[in-house]
Amino acid sequence: MDSGVSEDLYAITAIVAQFEITPEALVRYERAGLLRPRLINEVRFYTTADVDRLNTIQRMTDIMGINLAGVDVVLRLLEEIKLLQRQLE
């Protein structure tokens, strides 16, 4: 379903530089199911939504000290809350 709007994609190198994170950490987040980058010619690209999600993940892990399993639970709960809010509208 193409809406005609192009989505910004960011290469892994741009994300690593912006967030001061290692590529290995990004892959660890991907393996934990927290991020789902697009693979184009075997290169990972991240959307603006992925960048926002990564920002949330880093806040939870760095500032709040939540482990990746806890981050997964919190993100799932936040998604459930958004779904319920949309249903109420």
PDB file of N, CA and C in Angstrom:
ATOM      1  N   MET A   1       0.849  -1.171   0.000  1.00  0.00           N
ATOM      2  CA  MET A   1       0.000   0.000   0.000  1.00  0.00           C
ATOM      3  C   MET A   1       0.895   1.235   0.000  1.00  0.00           C
ATOM      4  N   ASP A   2       1.047   1.893  -1.114  1.00  0.00           N
ATOM      5  CA  ASP A   2       1.920   3.052  -1.264  1.00  0.00           C
ATOM      6  C   ASP A   2       1.080   4.313  -1.201  1.00  0.00           C
ATOM      7  N   SER A   3       1.345   5.143  -0.190  1.00  0.00           N
ATOM      8  CA  SER A   3       0.568   6.369  -0.021  1.00  0.00           C
ATOM      9  C   SER A   3       1.176   7.531  -0.789  1.00  0.00           C
ATOM     10  N   GLY A   4       2.318   7.285  -1.481  1.00  0.00           N
ATOM     11  CA  GLY A   4       2.942   8.352  -2.225  1.00  0.00           C
ATOM     12  C   GLY A   4       3.873   9.192  -1.385  1.00  0.00           C
ATOM     13  N   VAL A   5       3.960   8.905  -0.102  1.00  0.00           N
ATOM     14  CA  VAL A   5       4.826   9.656   0.796  1.00  0.00           C
ATOM     15  C   VAL A   5       6.070   8.826   1.052  1.00  0.00           C
ATOM     16  N   SER A   6       7.237   9.412   0.749  1.00  0.00           N
ATOM     17  CA  SER A   6       8.465   8.665   0.997  1.00  0.00           C
ATOM     18  C   SER A   6       8.838   8.801   2.471  1.00  0.00           C
ATOM     19  N   GLU A   7       9.352   7.719   2.988  1.00  0.00           N
ATOM     20  CA  GLU A   7       9.718   7.674   4.402  1.00  0.00           C
ATOM     21  C   GLU A   7      11.225   7.866   4.522  1.00  0.00           C
ATOM     22  N   ASP A   8      11.642   8.682   5.483  1.00  0.00           N
ATOM     23  CA  ASP A   8      13.063   8.873   5.705  1.00  0.00           C
ATOM     24  C   ASP A   8      13.666   7.598   6.260  1.00  0.00           C
ATOM     25  N   LEU A   9      14.797   7.208   5.693  1.00  0.00           N
ATOM     26  CA  LEU A   9      15.524   6.048   6.169  1.00  0.00           C
ATOM     27  C   LEU A   9      16.932   6.481   6.549  1.00  0.00           C
ATOM     28  N   TYR A  10      17.420   5.933   7.644  1.00  0.00           N
ATOM     29  CA  TYR A  10      18.733   6.286   8.147  1.00  0.00           C
ATOM     30  C   TYR A  10      19.605   5.040   8.202  1.00  0.00           C
ATOM     31  N   ALA A  11      20.803   5.150   7.650  1.00  0.00           N
ATOM     32  CA  ALA A  11      21.739   4.025   7.670  1.00  0.00           C
ATOM     33  C   ALA A  11      22.223   3.804   9.101  1.00  0.00           C
ATOM     34  N   ILE A  12      22.671   2.599   9.349  1.00  0.00           N
ATOM     35  CA  ILE A  12      23.148   2.241  10.683  1.00  0.00           C
ATOM     36  C   ILE A  12      24.278   3.171  11.130  1.00  0.00           C
ATOM     37  N   THR A  13      25.113   3.611  10.189  1.00  0.00           N
ATOM     38  CA  THR A  13      26.226   4.508  10.552  1.00  0.00           C
ATOM     39  C   THR A  13      25.710   5.846  11.083  1.00  0.00           C
ATOM     40  N   ALA A  14      24.614   6.340  10.523  1.00  0.00           N
ATOM     41  CA  ALA A  14      24.033   7.601  10.998  1.00  0.00           C
ATOM     42  C   ALA A  14      23.455   7.432  12.400  1.00  0.00           C
ATOM     43  N   ILE A  15      22.832   6.303  12.645  1.00  0.00           N
ATOM     44  CA  ILE A  15      22.241   6.036  13.960  1.00  0.00           C
ATOM     45  C   ILE A  15      23.338   5.889  15.006  1.00  0.00           C
ATOM     46  N   VAL A  16      24.394   5.171  14.650  1.00  0.00           N
ATOM     47  CA  VAL A  16      25.531   4.973  15.569  1.00  0.00           C
ATOM     48  C   VAL A  16      26.110   6.324  15.962  1.00  0.00           C
ATOM     49  N   ALA A  17      26.280   7.221  14.998  1.00  0.00           N
ATOM     50  CA  ALA A  17      26.852   8.539  15.278  1.00  0.00           C
ATOM     51  C   ALA A  17      25.906   9.408  16.107  1.00  0.00           C
ATOM     52  N   GLN A  18      24.625   9.393  15.763  1.00  0.00           N
ATOM     53  CA  GLN A  18      23.656  10.241  16.448  1.00  0.00           C
ATOM     54  C   GLN A  18      23.462   9.831  17.900  1.00  0.00           C
ATOM     55  N   PHE A  19      23.415   8.535  18.162  1.00  0.00           N
ATOM     56  CA  PHE A  19      23.099   8.057  19.497  1.00  0.00           C
ATOM     57  C   PHE A  19      24.326   7.612  20.295  1.00  0.00           C
ATOM     58  N   GLU A  20      25.501   7.708  19.680  1.00  0.00           N
ATOM     59  CA  GLU A  20      26.718   7.245  20.348  1.00  0.00           C
ATOM     60  C   GLU A  20      26.515   5.831  20.886  1.00  0.00           C
ATOM     61  N   ILE A  21      26.087   4.951  20.011  1.00  0.00           N
ATOM     62  CA  ILE A  21      25.792   3.568  20.333  1.00  0.00           C
ATOM     63  C   ILE A  21      26.593   2.691  19.381  1.00  0.00           C
ATOM     64  N   THR A  22      26.892   1.498  19.780  1.00  0.00           N
ATOM     65  CA  THR A  22      27.641   0.601  18.903  1.00  0.00           C
ATOM     66  C   THR A  22      26.692  -0.133  17.965  1.00  0.00           C
ATOM     67  N   PRO A  23      27.181  -0.522  16.802  1.00  0.00           N
ATOM     68  CA  PRO A  23      26.351  -1.344  15.916  1.00  0.00           C
ATOM     69  C   PRO A  23      25.929  -2.648  16.598  1.00  0.00           C
ATOM     70  N   GLU A  24      26.794  -3.179  17.448  1.00  0.00           N
ATOM     71  CA  GLU A  24      26.467  -4.409  18.163  1.00  0.00           C
ATOM     72  C   GLU A  24      25.258  -4.223  19.080  1.00  0.00           C
ATOM     73  N   ALA A  25      25.166  -3.065  19.713  1.00  0.00           N
ATOM     74  CA  ALA A  25      24.016  -2.781  20.584  1.00  0.00           C
ATOM     75  C   ALA A  25      22.737  -2.723  19.755  1.00  0.00           C
ATOM     76  N   LEU A  26      22.811  -2.116  18.580  1.00  0.00           N
ATOM     77  CA  LEU A  26      21.634  -2.058  17.715  1.00  0.00           C
ATOM     78  C   LEU A  26      21.192  -3.457  17.300  1.00  0.00           C
ATOM     79  N   VAL A  27      22.163  -4.300  16.971  1.00  0.00           N
ATOM     80  CA  VAL A  27      21.835  -5.678  16.599  1.00  0.00           C
ATOM     81  C   VAL A  27      21.260  -6.426  17.800  1.00  0.00           C
ATOM     82  N   ARG A  28      21.786  -6.146  18.994  1.00  0.00           N
ATOM     83  CA  ARG A  28      21.247  -6.782  20.214  1.00  0.00           C
ATOM     84  C   ARG A  28      19.789  -6.365  20.415  1.00  0.00           C
ATOM     85  N   TYR A  29      19.476  -5.090  20.201  1.00  0.00           N
ATOM     86  CA  TYR A  29      18.096  -4.627  20.312  1.00  0.00           C
ATOM     87  C   TYR A  29      17.215  -5.306  19.265  1.00  0.00           C
ATOM     88  N   GLU A  30      17.771  -5.487  18.070  1.00  0.00           N
ATOM     89  CA  GLU A  30      17.024  -6.159  17.003  1.00  0.00           C
ATOM     90  C   GLU A  30      16.748  -7.617  17.382  1.00  0.00           C
ATOM     91  N   ARG A  31      17.755  -8.307  17.897  1.00  0.00           N
ATOM     92  CA  ARG A  31      17.573  -9.708  18.294  1.00  0.00           C
ATOM     93  C   ARG A  31      16.575  -9.849  19.435  1.00  0.00           C
ATOM     94  N   ALA A  32      16.507  -8.833  20.293  1.00  0.00           N
ATOM     95  CA  ALA A  32      15.554  -8.847  21.400  1.00  0.00           C
ATOM     96  C   ALA A  32      14.149  -8.489  20.921  1.00  0.00           C
ATOM     97  N   GLY A  33      14.016  -8.129  19.637  1.00  0.00           N
ATOM     98  CA  GLY A  33      12.707  -7.789  19.081  1.00  0.00           C
ATOM     99  C   GLY A  33      12.278  -6.361  19.355  1.00  0.00           C
ATOM    100  N   LEU A  34      13.208  -5.530  19.816  1.00  0.00           N
ATOM    101  CA  LEU A  34      12.866  -4.156  20.165  1.00  0.00           C
ATOM    102  C   LEU A  34      12.919  -3.223  18.963  1.00  0.00           C
ATOM    103  N   LEU A  35      13.756  -3.536  17.990  1.00  0.00           N
ATOM    104  CA  LEU A  35      13.866  -2.752  16.757  1.00  0.00           C
ATOM    105  C   LEU A  35      13.719  -3.687  15.572  1.00  0.00           C
ATOM    106  N   ARG A  36      13.130  -3.169  14.508  1.00  0.00           N
ATOM    107  CA  ARG A  36      12.958  -3.955  13.290  1.00  0.00           C
ATOM    108  C   ARG A  36      13.386  -3.116  12.087  1.00  0.00           C
ATOM    109  N   PRO A  37      14.695  -2.983  11.884  1.00  0.00           N
ATOM    110  CA  PRO A  37      15.149  -2.170  10.750  1.00  0.00           C
ATOM    111  C   PRO A  37      14.820  -2.845   9.424  1.00  0.00           C
ATOM    112  N   ARG A  38      14.788  -2.044   8.394  1.00  0.00           N
ATOM    113  CA  ARG A  38      14.586  -2.582   7.047  1.00  0.00           C
ATOM    114  C   ARG A  38      15.948  -3.015   6.509  1.00  0.00           C
ATOM    115  N   LEU A  39      15.975  -4.120   5.829  1.00  0.00           N
ATOM    116  CA  LEU A  39      17.198  -4.581   5.184  1.00  0.00           C
ATOM    117  C   LEU A  39      17.089  -4.294   3.691  1.00  0.00           C
ATOM    118  N   ILE A  40      18.000  -3.479   3.196  1.00  0.00           N
ATOM    119  CA  ILE A  40      18.053  -3.166   1.777  1.00  0.00           C
ATOM    120  C   ILE A  40      19.465  -3.504   1.315  1.00  0.00           C
ATOM    121  N   ASN A  41      19.571  -4.479   0.434  1.00  0.00           N
ATOM    122  CA  ASN A  41      20.880  -4.973  -0.014  1.00  0.00           C
ATOM    123  C   ASN A  41      21.768  -5.334   1.169  1.00  0.00           C
ATOM    124  N   GLU A  42      21.161  -5.992   2.146  1.00  0.00           N
ATOM    125  CA  GLU A  42      21.835  -6.485   3.352  1.00  0.00           C
ATOM    126  C   GLU A  42      22.405  -5.367   4.236  1.00  0.00           C
ATOM    127  N   VAL A  43      21.886  -4.145   4.067  1.00  0.00           N
ATOM    128  CA  VAL A  43      22.265  -3.013   4.914  1.00  0.00           C
ATOM    129  C   VAL A  43      21.043  -2.623   5.729  1.00  0.00           C
ATOM    130  N   ARG A  44      21.249  -2.407   7.033  1.00  0.00           N
ATOM    131  CA  ARG A  44      20.152  -2.025   7.915  1.00  0.00           C
ATOM    132  C   ARG A  44      19.843  -0.535   7.767  1.00  0.00           C
ATOM    133  N   PHE A  45      18.563  -0.233   7.607  1.00  0.00           N
ATOM    134  CA  PHE A  45      18.101   1.141   7.567  1.00  0.00           C
ATOM    135  C   PHE A  45      16.988   1.308   8.588  1.00  0.00           C
ATOM    136  N   TYR A  46      16.989   2.445   9.250  1.00  0.00           N
ATOM    137  CA  TYR A  46      16.040   2.726  10.320  1.00  0.00           C
ATOM    138  C   TYR A  46      15.128   3.872   9.912  1.00  0.00           C
ATOM    139  N   THR A  47      13.852   3.744  10.255  1.00  0.00           N
ATOM    140  CA  THR A  47      12.864   4.782   9.968  1.00  0.00           C
ATOM    141  C   THR A  47      12.863   5.807  11.113  1.00  0.00           C
ATOM    142  N   THR A  48      12.132   6.875  10.903  1.00  0.00           N
ATOM    143  CA  THR A  48      11.973   7.874  11.960  1.00  0.00           C
ATOM    144  C   THR A  48      11.317   7.248  13.188  1.00  0.00           C
ATOM    145  N   ALA A  49      10.365   6.349  12.971  1.00  0.00           N
ATOM    146  CA  ALA A  49       9.729   5.647  14.096  1.00  0.00           C
ATOM    147  C   ALA A  49      10.743   4.790  14.843  1.00  0.00           C
ATOM    148  N   ASP A  50      11.660   4.155  14.109  1.00  0.00           N
ATOM    149  CA  ASP A  50      12.719   3.371  14.754  1.00  0.00           C
ATOM    150  C   ASP A  50      13.616   4.268  15.608  1.00  0.00           C
ATOM    151  N   VAL A  51      13.922   5.454  15.087  1.00  0.00           N
ATOM    152  CA  VAL A  51      14.771   6.400  15.823  1.00  0.00           C
ATOM    153  C   VAL A  51      14.070   6.829  17.111  1.00  0.00           C
ATOM    154  N   ASP A  52      12.779   7.121  17.026  1.00  0.00           N
ATOM    155  CA  ASP A  52      12.012   7.489  18.217  1.00  0.00           C
ATOM    156  C   ASP A  52      12.000   6.340  19.227  1.00  0.00           C
ATOM    157  N   ARG A  53      11.813   5.134  18.718  1.00  0.00           N
ATOM    158  CA  ARG A  53      11.785   3.946  19.579  1.00  0.00           C
ATOM    159  C   ARG A  53      13.151   3.727  20.233  1.00  0.00           C
ATOM    160  N   LEU A  54      14.223   3.927  19.470  1.00  0.00           N
ATOM    161  CA  LEU A  54      15.567   3.784  20.018  1.00  0.00           C
ATOM    162  C   LEU A  54      15.803   4.801  21.124  1.00  0.00           C
ATOM    163  N   ASN A  55      15.323   6.006  20.933  1.00  0.00           N
ATOM    164  CA  ASN A  55      15.436   7.035  21.966  1.00  0.00           C
ATOM    165  C   ASN A  55      14.739   6.583  23.242  1.00  0.00           C
ATOM    166  N   THR A  56      13.563   6.002  23.102  1.00  0.00           N
ATOM    167  CA  THR A  56      12.808   5.478  24.250  1.00  0.00           C
ATOM    168  C   THR A  56      13.562   4.327  24.908  1.00  0.00           C
ATOM    169  N   ILE A  57      14.087   3.424  24.099  1.00  0.00           N
ATOM    170  CA  ILE A  57      14.850   2.285  24.626  1.00  0.00           C
ATOM    171  C   ILE A  57      16.046   2.774  25.425  1.00  0.00           C
ATOM    172  N   GLN A  58      16.765   3.735  24.885  1.00  0.00           N
ATOM    173  CA  GLN A  58      17.943   4.245  25.596  1.00  0.00           C
ATOM    174  C   GLN A  58      17.568   4.938  26.900  1.00  0.00           C
ATOM    175  N   ARG A  59      16.472   5.685  26.898  1.00  0.00           N
ATOM    176  CA  ARG A  59      16.038   6.326  28.146  1.00  0.00           C
ATOM    177  C   ARG A  59      15.717   5.276  29.198  1.00  0.00           C
ATOM    178  N   MET A  60      15.026   4.225  28.781  1.00  0.00           N
ATOM    179  CA  MET A  60      14.654   3.185  29.745  1.00  0.00           C
ATOM    180  C   MET A  60      15.867   2.412  30.260  1.00  0.00           C
ATOM    181  N   THR A  61      16.814   2.119  29.381  1.00  0.00           N
ATOM    182  CA  THR A  61      17.967   1.329  29.821  1.00  0.00           C
ATOM    183  C   THR A  61      18.991   2.183  30.554  1.00  0.00           C
ATOM    184  N   ASP A  62      19.305   3.360  30.028  1.00  0.00           N
ATOM    185  CA  ASP A  62      20.359   4.192  30.615  1.00  0.00           C
ATOM    186  C   ASP A  62      19.906   4.967  31.843  1.00  0.00           C
ATOM    187  N   ILE A  63      18.754   5.580  31.763  1.00  0.00           N
ATOM    188  CA  ILE A  63      18.299   6.454  32.849  1.00  0.00           C
ATOM    189  C   ILE A  63      17.533   5.669  33.917  1.00  0.00           C
ATOM    190  N   MET A  64      16.662   4.772  33.467  1.00  0.00           N
ATOM    191  CA  MET A  64      15.820   4.047  34.415  1.00  0.00           C
ATOM    192  C   MET A  64      16.410   2.711  34.841  1.00  0.00           C
ATOM    193  N   GLY A  65      17.419   2.238  34.134  1.00  0.00           N
ATOM    194  CA  GLY A  65      18.072   0.985  34.505  1.00  0.00           C
ATOM    195  C   GLY A  65      17.255  -0.266  34.215  1.00  0.00           C
ATOM    196  N   ILE A  66      16.349  -0.182  33.253  1.00  0.00           N
ATOM    197  CA  ILE A  66      15.507  -1.332  32.908  1.00  0.00           C
ATOM    198  C   ILE A  66      16.268  -2.236  31.951  1.00  0.00           C
ATOM    199  N   ASN A  67      16.212  -3.542  32.177  1.00  0.00           N
ATOM    200  CA  ASN A  67      16.875  -4.467  31.265  1.00  0.00           C
ATOM    201  C   ASN A  67      16.037  -4.648  29.999  1.00  0.00           C
ATOM    202  N   LEU A  68      16.599  -5.334  28.994  1.00  0.00           N
ATOM    203  CA  LEU A  68      15.918  -5.438  27.703  1.00  0.00           C
ATOM    204  C   LEU A  68      14.593  -6.180  27.786  1.00  0.00           C
ATOM    205  N   ALA A  69      14.504  -7.180  28.645  1.00  0.00           N
ATOM    206  CA  ALA A  69      13.224  -7.883  28.817  1.00  0.00           C
ATOM    207  C   ALA A  69      12.182  -6.927  29.390  1.00  0.00           C
ATOM    208  N   GLY A  70      12.583  -6.086  30.331  1.00  0.00           N
ATOM    209  CA  GLY A  70      11.673  -5.098  30.902  1.00  0.00           C
ATOM    210  C   GLY A  70      11.268  -4.051  29.881  1.00  0.00           C
ATOM    211  N   VAL A  71      12.221  -3.634  29.062  1.00  0.00           N
ATOM    212  CA  VAL A  71      11.935  -2.670  27.996  1.00  0.00           C
ATOM    213  C   VAL A  71      10.880  -3.249  27.051  1.00  0.00           C
ATOM    214  N   ASP A  72      11.037  -4.521  26.719  1.00  0.00           N
ATOM    215  CA  ASP A  72      10.076  -5.183  25.838  1.00  0.00           C
ATOM    216  C   ASP A  72       8.670  -5.137  26.445  1.00  0.00           C
ATOM    217  N   VAL A  73       8.566  -5.430  27.724  1.00  0.00           N
ATOM    218  CA  VAL A  73       7.261  -5.406  28.400  1.00  0.00           C
ATOM    219  C   VAL A  73       6.675  -4.000  28.377  1.00  0.00           C
ATOM    220  N   VAL A  74       7.481  -3.004  28.714  1.00  0.00           N
ATOM    221  CA  VAL A  74       6.997  -1.624  28.751  1.00  0.00           C
ATOM    222  C   VAL A  74       6.547  -1.178  27.360  1.00  0.00           C
ATOM    223  N   LEU A  75       7.340  -1.479  26.325  1.00  0.00           N
ATOM    224  CA  LEU A  75       6.969  -1.075  24.970  1.00  0.00           C
ATOM    225  C   LEU A  75       5.676  -1.743  24.518  1.00  0.00           C
ATOM    226  N   ARG A  76       5.506  -3.011  24.873  1.00  0.00           N
ATOM    227  CA  ARG A  76       4.257  -3.710  24.523  1.00  0.00           C
ATOM    228  C   ARG A  76       3.063  -3.074  25.236  1.00  0.00           C
ATOM    229  N   LEU A  77       3.239  -2.721  26.499  1.00  0.00           N
ATOM    230  CA  LEU A  77       2.157  -2.065  27.246  1.00  0.00           C
ATOM    231  C   LEU A  77       1.823  -0.706  26.644  1.00  0.00           C
ATOM    232  N   LEU A  78       2.842   0.053  26.246  1.00  0.00           N
ATOM    233  CA  LEU A  78       2.604   1.354  25.621  1.00  0.00           C
ATOM    234  C   LEU A  78       1.847   1.194  24.301  1.00  0.00           C
ATOM    235  N   GLU A  79       2.194   0.178  23.525  1.00  0.00           N
ATOM    236  CA  GLU A  79       1.474  -0.081  22.277  1.00  0.00           C
ATOM    237  C   GLU A  79       0.020  -0.461  22.548  1.00  0.00           C
ATOM    238  N   GLU A  80      -0.205  -1.251  23.587  1.00  0.00           N
ATOM    239  CA  GLU A  80      -1.562  -1.646  23.966  1.00  0.00           C
ATOM    240  C   GLU A  80      -2.379  -0.422  24.398  1.00  0.00           C
ATOM    241  N   ILE A  81      -1.765   0.467  25.148  1.00  0.00           N
ATOM    242  CA  ILE A  81      -2.449   1.692  25.581  1.00  0.00           C
ATOM    243  C   ILE A  81      -2.832   2.535  24.371  1.00  0.00           C
ATOM    244  N   LYS A  82      -1.923   2.684  23.398  1.00  0.00           N
ATOM    245  CA  LYS A  82      -2.231   3.456  22.196  1.00  0.00           C
ATOM    246  C   LYS A  82      -3.375   2.833  21.426  1.00  0.00           C
ATOM    247  N   LEU A  83      -3.382   1.514  21.326  1.00  0.00           N
ATOM    248  CA  LEU A  83      -4.464   0.813  20.633  1.00  0.00           C
ATOM    249  C   LEU A  83      -5.791   1.058  21.332  1.00  0.00           C
ATOM    250  N   LEU A  84      -5.816   0.957  22.641  1.00  0.00           N
ATOM    251  CA  LEU A  84      -7.042   1.196  23.401  1.00  0.00           C
ATOM    252  C   LEU A  84      -7.512   2.637  23.254  1.00  0.00           C
ATOM    253  N   GLN A  85      -6.582   3.575  23.249  1.00  0.00           N
ATOM    254  CA  GLN A  85      -6.946   4.984  23.078  1.00  0.00           C
ATOM    255  C   GLN A  85      -7.595   5.213  21.718  1.00  0.00           C
ATOM    256  N   ARG A  86      -7.016   4.586  20.669  1.00  0.00           N
ATOM    257  CA  ARG A  86      -7.602   4.728  19.329  1.00  0.00           C
ATOM    258  C   ARG A  86      -9.003   4.137  19.276  1.00  0.00           C
ATOM    259  N   GLN A  87      -9.219   3.038  19.977  1.00  0.00           N
ATOM    260  CA  GLN A  87     -10.538   2.402  19.998  1.00  0.00           C
ATOM    261  C   GLN A  87     -11.567   3.280  20.694  1.00  0.00           C
ATOM    262  N   LEU A  88     -11.122   4.056  21.667  1.00  0.00           N
ATOM    263  CA  LEU A  88     -12.048   4.924  22.414  1.00  0.00           C
ATOM    264  C   LEU A  88     -12.405   6.178  21.628  1.00  0.00           C
ATOM    265  N   GLU A  89     -11.588   6.558  20.680  1.00  0.00           N
ATOM    266  CA  GLU A  89     -11.841   7.795  19.909  1.00  0.00           C
ATOM    267  C   GLU A  89     -12.944   7.633  18.911  1.00  0.00           C
TER     268      GLU A  89
END
